Structures are given as structure tokens and as C-alpha cells.
Amino acid sequence: MAYAAKAMRGLIIDYARSRQALKRGGDFEITSLEGISVEEAVDPHELSKISDALDALAETDAVLAELVDLKFFGGFSFEEIAAMRGISVRTLKRQWEKARVYLHHTIQDDLTLA
């Protein structure tokens, strides 16, 4: 499951990057305004920052990075992930908070450096 979630992350990031490629007119996108909400609009640069932050997290703590992949890209619930890992939901939620804090600080640092 972890491998599938990581593969899904790679596919989503690659797809977002390819849509923005200049060779395909990445600055322009033809869309219909019907059925599109603000929440559906995803900035490929933000996805790239998230991917880089997850890679940095994987170097620091691979278990936390795998948790984020399973939750965010795999779509699993806390209960499902806890069952896969054989730990309590409360422990998993503590790990989730640690991962969120790490990613938040990493992404914020990238934004201030840019």
C-alpha cells in the first residue's frame, strides 16, 4: 500500500508538472468555468514544493513520510493506516502531527528563501 501511495504521489506531481511545461503552452490553459471550484485549482509549483518537502522528510524520518503518502496521496483513513502498521490510532495521529509540523516548517522556509 505504501508503494502504491508513493507511486500515486509521483504520478500526481508529474502530471501537474507536465501541464505546466512550456513546450505545451504551459502558461495558458483552456478551461470551462462550469463545474470548477476554487478548491479544485492546484498550483503545480505548490505540489512540487510539497514533493520536495516529502523527500526531505523521507531522509529524516521515512516512517513519517510514508504516513503522509498513505494519508494524503493514498486516501487511507487513520484507522486503516493504524491497522496496516499495527499501532493505535492515537499514536498514528501523534506521528501525523509531527509530519505536518515538519512539512509546514520546510515549506515555509522554502517560501521565505524564494
PDB file of N, CA and C in Angstrom:
ATOM      1  N   MET A   1       0.813  -1.182   0.000  1.00  0.00           N
ATOM      2  CA  MET A   1       0.000   0.000   0.000  1.00  0.00           C
ATOM      3  C   MET A   1       0.867   1.261   0.000  1.00  0.00           C
ATOM      4  N   ALA A   2       1.956   1.210   0.764  1.00  0.00           N
ATOM      5  CA  ALA A   2       2.840   2.375   0.835  1.00  0.00           C
ATOM      6  C   ALA A   2       3.462   2.648  -0.527  1.00  0.00           C
ATOM      7  N   TYR A   3       3.844   1.589  -1.220  1.00  0.00           N
ATOM      8  CA  TYR A   3       4.423   1.766  -2.552  1.00  0.00           C
ATOM      9  C   TYR A   3       3.400   2.365  -3.508  1.00  0.00           C
ATOM     10  N   ALA A   4       2.167   1.910  -3.421  1.00  0.00           N
ATOM     11  CA  ALA A   4       1.110   2.441  -4.288  1.00  0.00           C
ATOM     12  C   ALA A   4       0.855   3.913  -3.995  1.00  0.00           C
ATOM     13  N   ALA A   5       0.865   4.291  -2.720  1.00  0.00           N
ATOM     14  CA  ALA A   5       0.658   5.693  -2.365  1.00  0.00           C
ATOM     15  C   ALA A   5       1.806   6.559  -2.870  1.00  0.00           C
ATOM     16  N   LYS A   6       3.030   6.040  -2.760  1.00  0.00           N
ATOM     17  CA  LYS A   6       4.192   6.797  -3.243  1.00  0.00           C
ATOM     18  C   LYS A   6       4.149   6.915  -4.768  1.00  0.00           C
ATOM     19  N   ALA A   7       3.741   5.859  -5.439  1.00  0.00           N
ATOM     20  CA  ALA A   7       3.613   5.910  -6.898  1.00  0.00           C
ATOM     21  C   ALA A   7       2.531   6.907  -7.307  1.00  0.00           C
ATOM     22  N   MET A   8       1.447   6.950  -6.548  1.00  0.00           N
ATOM     23  CA  MET A   8       0.368   7.900  -6.825  1.00  0.00           C
ATOM     24  C   MET A   8       0.883   9.330  -6.673  1.00  0.00           C
ATOM     25  N   ARG A   9       1.695   9.579  -5.642  1.00  0.00           N
ATOM     26  CA  ARG A   9       2.274  10.914  -5.456  1.00  0.00           C
ATOM     27  C   ARG A   9       3.113  11.289  -6.669  1.00  0.00           C
ATOM     28  N   GLY A  10       3.936  10.368  -7.129  1.00  0.00           N
ATOM     29  CA  GLY A  10       4.760  10.631  -8.301  1.00  0.00           C
ATOM     30  C   GLY A  10       3.935  10.938  -9.534  1.00  0.00           C
ATOM     31  N   LEU A  11       2.868  10.196  -9.726  1.00  0.00           N
ATOM     32  CA  LEU A  11       2.005  10.433 -10.886  1.00  0.00           C
ATOM     33  C   LEU A  11       1.327  11.794 -10.819  1.00  0.00           C
ATOM     34  N   ILE A  12       0.837  12.162  -9.650  1.00  0.00           N
ATOM     35  CA  ILE A  12       0.161  13.452  -9.494  1.00  0.00           C
ATOM     36  C   ILE A  12       1.132  14.597  -9.723  1.00  0.00           C
ATOM     37  N   ILE A  13       2.315  14.504  -9.157  1.00  0.00           N
ATOM     38  CA  ILE A  13       3.319  15.565  -9.319  1.00  0.00           C
ATOM     39  C   ILE A  13       3.752  15.657 -10.777  1.00  0.00           C
ATOM     40  N   ASP A  14       4.033  14.533 -11.406  1.00  0.00           N
ATOM     41  CA  ASP A  14       4.449  14.541 -12.812  1.00  0.00           C
ATOM     42  C   ASP A  14       3.367  15.095 -13.720  1.00  0.00           C
ATOM     43  N   TYR A  15       2.121  14.747 -13.448  1.00  0.00           N
ATOM     44  CA  TYR A  15       1.015  15.244 -14.259  1.00  0.00           C
ATOM     45  C   TYR A  15       0.896  16.757 -14.137  1.00  0.00           C
ATOM     46  N   ALA A  16       0.994  17.250 -12.906  1.00  0.00           N
ATOM     47  CA  ALA A  16       0.893  18.700 -12.704  1.00  0.00           C
ATOM     48  C   ALA A  16       2.043  19.426 -13.389  1.00  0.00           C
ATOM     49  N   ARG A  17       3.225  18.871 -13.309  1.00  0.00           N
ATOM     50  CA  ARG A  17       4.383  19.499 -13.959  1.00  0.00           C
ATOM     51  C   ARG A  17       4.245  19.481 -15.476  1.00  0.00           C
ATOM     52  N   SER A  18       3.754  18.382 -16.022  1.00  0.00           N
ATOM     53  CA  SER A  18       3.634  18.286 -17.476  1.00  0.00           C
ATOM     54  C   SER A  18       2.609  19.261 -18.016  1.00  0.00           C
ATOM     55  N   ARG A  19       1.581  19.537 -17.246  1.00  0.00           N
ATOM     56  CA  ARG A  19       0.564  20.501 -17.677  1.00  0.00           C
ATOM     57  C   ARG A  19       1.126  21.903 -17.752  1.00  0.00           C
ATOM     58  N   GLN A  20       2.168  22.152 -16.985  1.00  0.00           N
ATOM     59  CA  GLN A  20       2.745  23.483 -16.959  1.00  0.00           C
ATOM     60  C   GLN A  20       3.975  23.621 -17.862  1.00  0.00           C
ATOM     61  N   ALA A  21       4.328  22.558 -18.546  1.00  0.00           N
ATOM     62  CA  ALA A  21       5.519  22.594 -19.400  1.00  0.00           C
ATOM     63  C   ALA A  21       5.354  23.631 -20.508  1.00  0.00           C
ATOM     64  N   LEU A  22       6.377  24.411 -20.713  1.00  0.00           N
ATOM     65  CA  LEU A  22       6.313  25.468 -21.719  1.00  0.00           C
ATOM     66  C   LEU A  22       6.143  24.921 -23.127  1.00  0.00           C
ATOM     67  N   LYS A  23       6.691  23.741 -23.386  1.00  0.00           N
ATOM     68  CA  LYS A  23       6.573  23.190 -24.733  1.00  0.00           C
ATOM     69  C   LYS A  23       5.133  22.859 -25.093  1.00  0.00           C
ATOM     70  N   ARG A  24       4.279  22.813 -24.085  1.00  0.00           N
ATOM     71  CA  ARG A  24       2.866  22.537 -24.342  1.00  0.00           C
ATOM     72  C   ARG A  24       2.009  23.766 -24.072  1.00  0.00           C
ATOM     73  N   GLY A  25       2.637  24.928 -24.069  1.00  0.00           N
ATOM     74  CA  GLY A  25       1.885  26.142 -23.796  1.00  0.00           C
ATOM     75  C   GLY A  25       1.465  26.211 -22.347  1.00  0.00           C
ATOM     76  N   GLY A  26       2.373  25.847 -21.447  1.00  0.00           N
ATOM     77  CA  GLY A  26       2.074  25.739 -20.033  1.00  0.00           C
ATOM     78  C   GLY A  26       1.560  27.003 -19.384  1.00  0.00           C
ATOM     79  N   ASP A  27       1.851  28.163 -19.961  1.00  0.00           N
ATOM     80  CA  ASP A  27       1.350  29.392 -19.366  1.00  0.00           C
ATOM     81  C   ASP A  27      -0.133  29.592 -19.630  1.00  0.00           C
ATOM     82  N   PHE A  28      -0.660  28.880 -20.615  1.00  0.00           N
ATOM     83  CA  PHE A  28      -2.060  29.044 -20.981  1.00  0.00           C
ATOM     84  C   PHE A  28      -2.789  27.725 -20.816  1.00  0.00           C
ATOM     85  N   GLU A  29      -3.962  27.816 -20.269  1.00  0.00           N
ATOM     86  CA  GLU A  29      -4.760  26.620 -20.067  1.00  0.00           C
ATOM     87  C   GLU A  29      -6.198  26.935 -20.464  1.00  0.00           C
ATOM     88  N   ILE A  30      -6.740  26.140 -21.358  1.00  0.00           N
ATOM     89  CA  ILE A  30      -8.114  26.333 -21.801  1.00  0.00           C
ATOM     90  C   ILE A  30      -9.010  25.524 -20.883  1.00  0.00           C
ATOM     91  N   THR A  31      -9.907  26.213 -20.209  1.00  0.00           N
ATOM     92  CA  THR A  31     -10.819  25.531 -19.295  1.00  0.00           C
ATOM     93  C   THR A  31     -12.214  26.131 -19.421  1.00  0.00           C
ATOM     94  N   SER A  32     -13.162  25.408 -18.933  1.00  0.00           N
ATOM     95  CA  SER A  32     -14.528  25.888 -18.852  1.00  0.00           C
ATOM     96  C   SER A  32     -14.776  26.320 -17.413  1.00  0.00           C
ATOM     97  N   LEU A  33     -15.493  27.381 -17.218  1.00  0.00           N
ATOM     98  CA  LEU A  33     -15.760  27.855 -15.868  1.00  0.00           C
ATOM     99  C   LEU A  33     -16.856  27.057 -15.182  1.00  0.00           C
ATOM    100  N   GLU A  34     -17.578  26.261 -15.936  1.00  0.00           N
ATOM    101  CA  GLU A  34     -18.647  25.459 -15.359  1.00  0.00           C
ATOM    102  C   GLU A  34     -18.059  24.287 -14.589  1.00  0.00           C
ATOM    103  N   GLY A  35     -18.495  24.128 -13.377  1.00  0.00           N
ATOM    104  CA  GLY A  35     -18.095  22.967 -12.590  1.00  0.00           C
ATOM    105  C   GLY A  35     -16.724  23.053 -11.960  1.00  0.00           C
ATOM    106  N   ILE A  36     -16.055  24.189 -12.043  1.00  0.00           N
ATOM    107  CA  ILE A  36     -14.734  24.321 -11.445  1.00  0.00           C
ATOM    108  C   ILE A  36     -14.852  25.184 -10.201  1.00  0.00           C
ATOM    109  N   SER A  37     -14.366  24.643  -9.097  1.00  0.00           N
ATOM    110  CA  SER A  37     -14.374  25.418  -7.865  1.00  0.00           C
ATOM    111  C   SER A  37     -12.953  25.843  -7.536  1.00  0.00           C
ATOM    112  N   VAL A  38     -12.825  26.781  -6.642  1.00  0.00           N
ATOM    113  CA  VAL A  38     -11.508  27.278  -6.252  1.00  0.00           C
ATOM    114  C   VAL A  38     -10.682  26.171  -5.621  1.00  0.00           C
ATOM    115  N   GLU A  39     -11.336  25.271  -4.866  1.00  0.00           N
ATOM    116  CA  GLU A  39     -10.613  24.199  -4.193  1.00  0.00           C
ATOM    117  C   GLU A  39      -9.979  23.215  -5.180  1.00  0.00           C
ATOM    118  N   GLU A  40     -10.536  23.105  -6.380  1.00  0.00           N
ATOM    119  CA  GLU A  40     -10.005  22.165  -7.360  1.00  0.00           C
ATOM    120  C   GLU A  40      -8.765  22.701  -8.068  1.00  0.00           C
ATOM    121  N   ALA A  41      -8.563  23.994  -8.047  1.00  0.00           N
ATOM    122  CA  ALA A  41      -7.413  24.590  -8.714  1.00  0.00           C
ATOM    123  C   ALA A  41      -6.162  24.316  -7.884  1.00  0.00           C
ATOM    124  N   VAL A  42      -5.211  23.606  -8.475  1.00  0.00           N
ATOM    125  CA  VAL A  42      -3.983  23.238  -7.780  1.00  0.00           C
ATOM    126  C   VAL A  42      -2.808  23.850  -8.510  1.00  0.00           C
ATOM    127  N   ASP A  43      -1.965  24.527  -7.770  1.00  0.00           N
ATOM    128  CA  ASP A  43      -0.770  25.133  -8.336  1.00  0.00           C
ATOM    129  C   ASP A  43       0.331  24.072  -8.421  1.00  0.00           C
ATOM    130  N   PRO A  44       0.840  23.789  -9.628  1.00  0.00           N
ATOM    131  CA  PRO A  44       1.879  22.772  -9.764  1.00  0.00           C
ATOM    132  C   PRO A  44       3.151  23.116  -8.995  1.00  0.00           C
ATOM    133  N   HIS A  45       3.425  24.402  -8.817  1.00  0.00           N
ATOM    134  CA  HIS A  45       4.607  24.799  -8.057  1.00  0.00           C
ATOM    135  C   HIS A  45       4.452  24.416  -6.584  1.00  0.00           C
ATOM    136  N   GLU A  46       3.240  24.534  -6.061  1.00  0.00           N
ATOM    137  CA  GLU A  46       2.987  24.128  -4.683  1.00  0.00           C
ATOM    138  C   GLU A  46       3.127  22.614  -4.538  1.00  0.00           C
ATOM    139  N   LEU A  47       2.620  21.875  -5.519  1.00  0.00           N
ATOM    140  CA  LEU A  47       2.780  20.418  -5.481  1.00  0.00           C
ATOM    141  C   LEU A  47       4.248  20.031  -5.518  1.00  0.00           C
ATOM    142  N   SER A  48       5.019  20.753  -6.301  1.00  0.00           N
ATOM    143  CA  SER A  48       6.450  20.482  -6.381  1.00  0.00           C
ATOM    144  C   SER A  48       7.124  20.746  -5.041  1.00  0.00           C
ATOM    145  N   LYS A  49       6.746  21.830  -4.361  1.00  0.00           N
ATOM    146  CA  LYS A  49       7.298  22.133  -3.044  1.00  0.00           C
ATOM    147  C   LYS A  49       6.915  21.055  -2.035  1.00  0.00           C
ATOM    148  N   ILE A  50       5.676  20.580  -2.125  1.00  0.00           N
ATOM    149  CA  ILE A  50       5.232  19.519  -1.229  1.00  0.00           C
ATOM    150  C   ILE A  50       6.038  18.250  -1.479  1.00  0.00           C
ATOM    151  N   SER A  51       6.254  17.926  -2.745  1.00  0.00           N
ATOM    152  CA  SER A  51       7.025  16.734  -3.084  1.00  0.00           C
ATOM    153  C   SER A  51       8.457  16.843  -2.565  1.00  0.00           C
ATOM    154  N   ASP A  52       9.073  18.007  -2.750  1.00  0.00           N
ATOM    155  CA  ASP A  52      10.439  18.209  -2.250  1.00  0.00           C
ATOM    156  C   ASP A  52      10.485  18.108  -0.731  1.00  0.00           C
ATOM    157  N   ALA A  53       9.486  18.669  -0.061  1.00  0.00           N
ATOM    158  CA  ALA A  53       9.429  18.601   1.398  1.00  0.00           C
ATOM    159  C   ALA A  53       9.239  17.160   1.867  1.00  0.00           C
ATOM    160  N   LEU A  54       8.429  16.388   1.141  1.00  0.00           N
ATOM    161  CA  LEU A  54       8.243  14.978   1.490  1.00  0.00           C
ATOM    162  C   LEU A  54       9.531  14.181   1.284  1.00  0.00           C
ATOM    163  N   ASP A  55      10.271  14.512   0.239  1.00  0.00           N
ATOM    164  CA  ASP A  55      11.553  13.840   0.022  1.00  0.00           C
ATOM    165  C   ASP A  55      12.526  14.143   1.165  1.00  0.00           C
ATOM    166  N   ALA A  56      12.536  15.398   1.623  1.00  0.00           N
ATOM    167  CA  ALA A  56      13.390  15.781   2.748  1.00  0.00           C
ATOM    168  C   ALA A  56      12.942  15.065   4.022  1.00  0.00           C
ATOM    169  N   LEU A  57      11.626  14.949   4.218  1.00  0.00           N
ATOM    170  CA  LEU A  57      11.103  14.235   5.381  1.00  0.00           C
ATOM    171  C   LEU A  57      11.492  12.763   5.329  1.00  0.00           C
ATOM    172  N   ALA A  58      11.466  12.174   4.135  1.00  0.00           N
ATOM    173  CA  ALA A  58      11.830  10.757   3.988  1.00  0.00           C
ATOM    174  C   ALA A  58      13.292  10.520   4.384  1.00  0.00           C
ATOM    175  N   GLU A  59      14.149  11.504   4.124  1.00  0.00           N
ATOM    176  CA  GLU A  59      15.557  11.375   4.528  1.00  0.00           C
ATOM    177  C   GLU A  59      15.698  11.456   6.040  1.00  0.00           C
ATOM    178  N   THR A  60      14.835  12.266   6.672  1.00  0.00           N
ATOM    179  CA  THR A  60      14.890  12.440   8.121  1.00  0.00           C
ATOM    180  C   THR A  60      14.159  11.319   8.844  1.00  0.00           C
ATOM    181  N   ASP A  61      12.934  11.023   8.404  1.00  0.00           N
ATOM    182  CA  ASP A  61      12.107  10.006   9.053  1.00  0.00           C
ATOM    183  C   ASP A  61      11.209   9.344   8.004  1.00  0.00           C
ATOM    184  N   ALA A  62      11.645   8.210   7.506  1.00  0.00           N
ATOM    185  CA  ALA A  62      10.927   7.517   6.428  1.00  0.00           C
ATOM    186  C   ALA A  62       9.523   7.078   6.857  1.00  0.00           C
ATOM    187  N   VAL A  63       9.334   6.753   8.126  1.00  0.00           N
ATOM    188  CA  VAL A  63       8.027   6.311   8.614  1.00  0.00           C
ATOM    189  C   VAL A  63       7.012   7.443   8.500  1.00  0.00           C
ATOM    190  N   LEU A  64       7.419   8.654   8.865  1.00  0.00           N
ATOM    191  CA  LEU A  64       6.514   9.796   8.766  1.00  0.00           C
ATOM    192  C   LEU A  64       6.192  10.121   7.308  1.00  0.00           C
ATOM    193  N   ALA A  65       7.187  10.031   6.447  1.00  0.00           N
ATOM    194  CA  ALA A  65       6.953  10.309   5.020  1.00  0.00           C
ATOM    195  C   ALA A  65       5.985   9.290   4.428  1.00  0.00           C
ATOM    196  N   GLU A  66       6.136   8.044   4.821  1.00  0.00           N
ATOM    197  CA  GLU A  66       5.225   7.008   4.334  1.00  0.00           C
ATOM    198  C   GLU A  66       3.804   7.259   4.833  1.00  0.00           C
ATOM    199  N   LEU A  67       3.675   7.712   6.060  1.00  0.00           N
ATOM    200  CA  LEU A  67       2.367   8.046   6.623  1.00  0.00           C
ATOM    201  C   LEU A  67       1.684   9.142   5.795  1.00  0.00           C
ATOM    202  N   VAL A  68       2.424  10.174   5.451  1.00  0.00           N
ATOM    203  CA  VAL A  68       1.859  11.263   4.651  1.00  0.00           C
ATOM    204  C   VAL A  68       1.447  10.746   3.277  1.00  0.00           C
ATOM    205  N   ASP A  69       2.273   9.918   2.669  1.00  0.00           N
ATOM    206  CA  ASP A  69       1.924   9.344   1.367  1.00  0.00           C
ATOM    207  C   ASP A  69       0.625   8.539   1.451  1.00  0.00           C
ATOM    208  N   LEU A  70       0.521   7.714   2.480  1.00  0.00           N
ATOM    209  CA  LEU A  70      -0.679   6.889   2.626  1.00  0.00           C
ATOM    210  C   LEU A  70      -1.926   7.730   2.867  1.00  0.00           C
ATOM    211  N   LYS A  71      -1.800   8.747   3.710  1.00  0.00           N
ATOM    212  CA  LYS A  71      -2.960   9.574   4.062  1.00  0.00           C
ATOM    213  C   LYS A  71      -3.324  10.541   2.944  1.00  0.00           C
ATOM    214  N   PHE A  72      -2.337  11.273   2.453  1.00  0.00           N
ATOM    215  CA  PHE A  72      -2.606  12.351   1.502  1.00  0.00           C
ATOM    216  C   PHE A  72      -2.793  11.845   0.080  1.00  0.00           C
ATOM    217  N   PHE A  73      -1.901  10.990  -0.377  1.00  0.00           N
ATOM    218  CA  PHE A  73      -1.950  10.522  -1.762  1.00  0.00           C
ATOM    219  C   PHE A  73      -2.671   9.188  -1.908  1.00  0.00           C
ATOM    220  N   GLY A  74      -2.654   8.359  -0.869  1.00  0.00           N
ATOM    221  CA  GLY A  74      -3.346   7.071  -0.934  1.00  0.00           C
ATOM    222  C   GLY A  74      -4.804   7.155  -0.535  1.00  0.00           C
ATOM    223  N   GLY A  75      -5.155   8.187   0.232  1.00  0.00           N
ATOM    224  CA  GLY A  75      -6.537   8.384   0.634  1.00  0.00           C
ATOM    225  C   GLY A  75      -7.009   7.466   1.748  1.00  0.00           C
ATOM    226  N   PHE A  76      -6.086   6.877   2.483  1.00  0.00           N
ATOM    227  CA  PHE A  76      -6.465   5.979   3.569  1.00  0.00           C
ATOM    228  C   PHE A  76      -6.851   6.779   4.808  1.00  0.00           C
ATOM    229  N   SER A  77      -7.730   6.209   5.618  1.00  0.00           N
ATOM    230  CA  SER A  77      -8.121   6.846   6.883  1.00  0.00           C
ATOM    231  C   SER A  77      -7.067   6.521   7.947  1.00  0.00           C
ATOM    232  N   PHE A  78      -7.132   7.256   9.055  1.00  0.00           N
ATOM    233  CA  PHE A  78      -6.209   6.978  10.158  1.00  0.00           C
ATOM    234  C   PHE A  78      -6.396   5.560  10.674  1.00  0.00           C
ATOM    235  N   GLU A  79      -7.626   5.123  10.744  1.00  0.00           N
ATOM    236  CA  GLU A  79      -7.911   3.777  11.244  1.00  0.00           C
ATOM    237  C   GLU A  79      -7.302   2.704  10.333  1.00  0.00           C
ATOM    238  N   GLU A  80      -7.421   2.900   9.024  1.00  0.00           N
ATOM    239  CA  GLU A  80      -6.855   1.929   8.073  1.00  0.00           C
ATOM    240  C   GLU A  80      -5.334   1.884   8.167  1.00  0.00           C
ATOM    241  N   ILE A  81      -4.708   3.055   8.259  1.00  0.00           N
ATOM    242  CA  ILE A  81      -3.241   3.102   8.345  1.00  0.00           C
ATOM    243  C   ILE A  81      -2.766   2.489   9.658  1.00  0.00           C
ATOM    244  N   ALA A  82      -3.465   2.796  10.751  1.00  0.00           N
ATOM    245  CA  ALA A  82      -3.095   2.222  12.053  1.00  0.00           C
ATOM    246  C   ALA A  82      -3.187   0.702  12.015  1.00  0.00           C
ATOM    247  N   ALA A  83      -4.220   0.181  11.376  1.00  0.00           N
ATOM    248  CA  ALA A  83      -4.369  -1.271  11.264  1.00  0.00           C
ATOM    249  C   ALA A  83      -3.249  -1.875  10.423  1.00  0.00           C
ATOM    250  N   MET A  84      -2.869  -1.185   9.340  1.00  0.00           N
ATOM    251  CA  MET A  84      -1.771  -1.672   8.490  1.00  0.00           C
ATOM    252  C   MET A  84      -0.467  -1.747   9.270  1.00  0.00           C
ATOM    253  N   ARG A  85      -0.259  -0.778  10.139  1.00  0.00           N
ATOM    254  CA  ARG A  85       1.004  -0.686  10.872  1.00  0.00           C
ATOM    255  C   ARG A  85       0.982  -1.409  12.207  1.00  0.00           C
ATOM    256  N   GLY A  86      -0.205  -1.781  12.671  1.00  0.00           N
ATOM    257  CA  GLY A  86      -0.298  -2.471  13.953  1.00  0.00           C
ATOM    258  C   GLY A  86      -0.056  -1.550  15.142  1.00  0.00           C
ATOM    259  N   ILE A  87      -0.468  -0.289  15.036  1.00  0.00           N
ATOM    260  CA  ILE A  87      -0.322   0.669  16.129  1.00  0.00           C
ATOM    261  C   ILE A  87      -1.682   1.288  16.418  1.00  0.00           C
ATOM    262  N   SER A  88      -1.758   2.027  17.511  1.00  0.00           N
ATOM    263  CA  SER A  88      -3.024   2.659  17.866  1.00  0.00           C
ATOM    264  C   SER A  88      -3.261   3.895  17.000  1.00  0.00           C
ATOM    265  N   VAL A  89      -4.527   4.254  16.874  1.00  0.00           N
ATOM    266  CA  VAL A  89      -4.898   5.435  16.104  1.00  0.00           C
ATOM    267  C   VAL A  89      -4.307   6.679  16.758  1.00  0.00           C
ATOM    268  N   ARG A  90      -4.278   6.725  18.087  1.00  0.00           N
ATOM    269  CA  ARG A  90      -3.730   7.884  18.806  1.00  0.00           C
ATOM    270  C   ARG A  90      -2.240   8.054  18.505  1.00  0.00           C
ATOM    271  N   THR A  91      -1.498   6.978  18.493  1.00  0.00           N
ATOM    272  CA  THR A  91      -0.074   7.044  18.151  1.00  0.00           C
ATOM    273  C   THR A  91       0.102   7.538  16.730  1.00  0.00           C
ATOM    274  N   LEU A  92      -0.717   7.031  15.839  1.00  0.00           N
ATOM    275  CA  LEU A  92      -0.646   7.445  14.444  1.00  0.00           C
ATOM    276  C   LEU A  92      -0.951   8.932  14.295  1.00  0.00           C
ATOM    277  N   LYS A  93      -1.933   9.423  15.032  1.00  0.00           N
ATOM    278  CA  LYS A  93      -2.267  10.844  14.961  1.00  0.00           C
ATOM    279  C   LYS A  93      -1.148  11.715  15.509  1.00  0.00           C
ATOM    280  N   ARG A  94      -0.418  11.244  16.519  1.00  0.00           N
ATOM    281  CA  ARG A  94       0.758  11.980  17.012  1.00  0.00           C
ATOM    282  C   ARG A  94       1.826  12.035  15.924  1.00  0.00           C
ATOM    283  N   GLN A  95       2.041  10.918  15.234  1.00  0.00           N
ATOM    284  CA  GLN A  95       3.001  10.899  14.129  1.00  0.00           C
ATOM    285  C   GLN A  95       2.558  11.838  13.016  1.00  0.00           C
ATOM    286  N   TRP A  96       1.266  11.857  12.739  1.00  0.00           N
ATOM    287  CA  TRP A  96       0.715  12.736  11.702  1.00  0.00           C
ATOM    288  C   TRP A  96       0.999  14.202  12.045  1.00  0.00           C
ATOM    289  N   GLU A  97       0.805  14.568  13.297  1.00  0.00           N
ATOM    290  CA  GLU A  97       1.067  15.944  13.713  1.00  0.00           C
ATOM    291  C   GLU A  97       2.542  16.293  13.565  1.00  0.00           C
ATOM    292  N   LYS A  98       3.426  15.356  13.915  1.00  0.00           N
ATOM    293  CA  LYS A  98       4.858  15.597  13.745  1.00  0.00           C
ATOM    294  C   LYS A  98       5.193  15.818  12.272  1.00  0.00           C
ATOM    295  N   ALA A  99       4.614  15.003  11.406  1.00  0.00           N
ATOM    296  CA  ALA A  99       4.869  15.138   9.967  1.00  0.00           C
ATOM    297  C   ALA A  99       4.332  16.463   9.449  1.00  0.00           C
ATOM    298  N   ARG A 100       3.145  16.851   9.887  1.00  0.00           N
ATOM    299  CA  ARG A 100       2.548  18.119   9.449  1.00  0.00           C
ATOM    300  C   ARG A 100       3.408  19.308   9.866  1.00  0.00           C
ATOM    301  N   VAL A 101       3.888  19.293  11.104  1.00  0.00           N
ATOM    302  CA  VAL A 101       4.726  20.388  11.593  1.00  0.00           C
ATOM    303  C   VAL A 101       6.019  20.456  10.782  1.00  0.00           C
ATOM    304  N   TYR A 102       6.636  19.308  10.555  1.00  0.00           N
ATOM    305  CA  TYR A 102       7.875  19.280   9.771  1.00  0.00           C
ATOM    306  C   TYR A 102       7.643  19.834   8.366  1.00  0.00           C
ATOM    307  N   LEU A 103       6.596  19.360   7.702  1.00  0.00           N
ATOM    308  CA  LEU A 103       6.304  19.811   6.340  1.00  0.00           C
ATOM    309  C   LEU A 103       5.959  21.294   6.313  1.00  0.00           C
ATOM    310  N   HIS A 104       5.207  21.757   7.289  1.00  0.00           N
ATOM    311  CA  HIS A 104       4.847  23.174   7.348  1.00  0.00           C
ATOM    312  C   HIS A 104       6.099  24.042   7.452  1.00  0.00           C
ATOM    313  N   HIS A 105       6.996  23.666   8.354  1.00  0.00           N
ATOM    314  CA  HIS A 105       8.225  24.448   8.517  1.00  0.00           C
ATOM    315  C   HIS A 105       9.102  24.386   7.277  1.00  0.00           C
ATOM    316  N   THR A 106       9.186  23.227   6.659  1.00  0.00           N
ATOM    317  CA  THR A 106      10.015  23.077   5.459  1.00  0.00           C
ATOM    318  C   THR A 106       9.464  23.912   4.311  1.00  0.00           C
ATOM    319  N   ILE A 107       8.169  23.859   4.106  1.00  0.00           N
ATOM    320  CA  ILE A 107       7.556  24.618   3.014  1.00  0.00           C
ATOM    321  C   ILE A 107       7.639  26.112   3.298  1.00  0.00           C
ATOM    322  N   GLN A 108       7.416  26.524   4.545  1.00  0.00           N
ATOM    323  CA  GLN A 108       7.515  27.945   4.897  1.00  0.00           C
ATOM    324  C   GLN A 108       8.932  28.444   4.680  1.00  0.00           C
ATOM    325  N   ASP A 109       9.941  27.633   5.044  1.00  0.00           N
ATOM    326  CA  ASP A 109      11.339  28.022   4.836  1.00  0.00           C
ATOM    327  C   ASP A 109      11.626  28.187   3.355  1.00  0.00           C
ATOM    328  N   ASP A 110      11.075  27.300   2.518  1.00  0.00           N
ATOM    329  CA  ASP A 110      11.274  27.402   1.071  1.00  0.00           C
ATOM    330  C   ASP A 110      10.645  28.680   0.519  1.00  0.00           C
ATOM    331  N   LEU A 111       9.496  29.049   1.049  1.00  0.00           N
ATOM    332  CA  LEU A 111       8.818  30.262   0.584  1.00  0.00           C
ATOM    333  C   LEU A 111       9.590  31.509   0.978  1.00  0.00           C
ATOM    334  N   THR A 112      10.181  31.522   2.155  1.00  0.00           N
ATOM    335  CA  THR A 112      10.927  32.710   2.574  1.00  0.00           C
ATOM    336  C   THR A 112      12.249  32.830   1.846  1.00  0.00           C
ATOM    337  N   LEU A 113      12.826  31.710   1.420  1.00  0.00           N
ATOM    338  CA  LEU A 113      14.076  31.737   0.672  1.00  0.00           C
ATOM    339  C   LEU A 113      13.851  32.131  -0.786  1.00  0.00           C
ATOM    340  N   ALA A 114      12.663  31.874  -1.298  1.00  0.00           N
ATOM    341  CA  ALA A 114      12.393  32.142  -2.717  1.00  0.00           C
ATOM    342  C   ALA A 114      12.187  33.608  -2.980  1.00  0.00           C
TER     343      ALA A 114
END
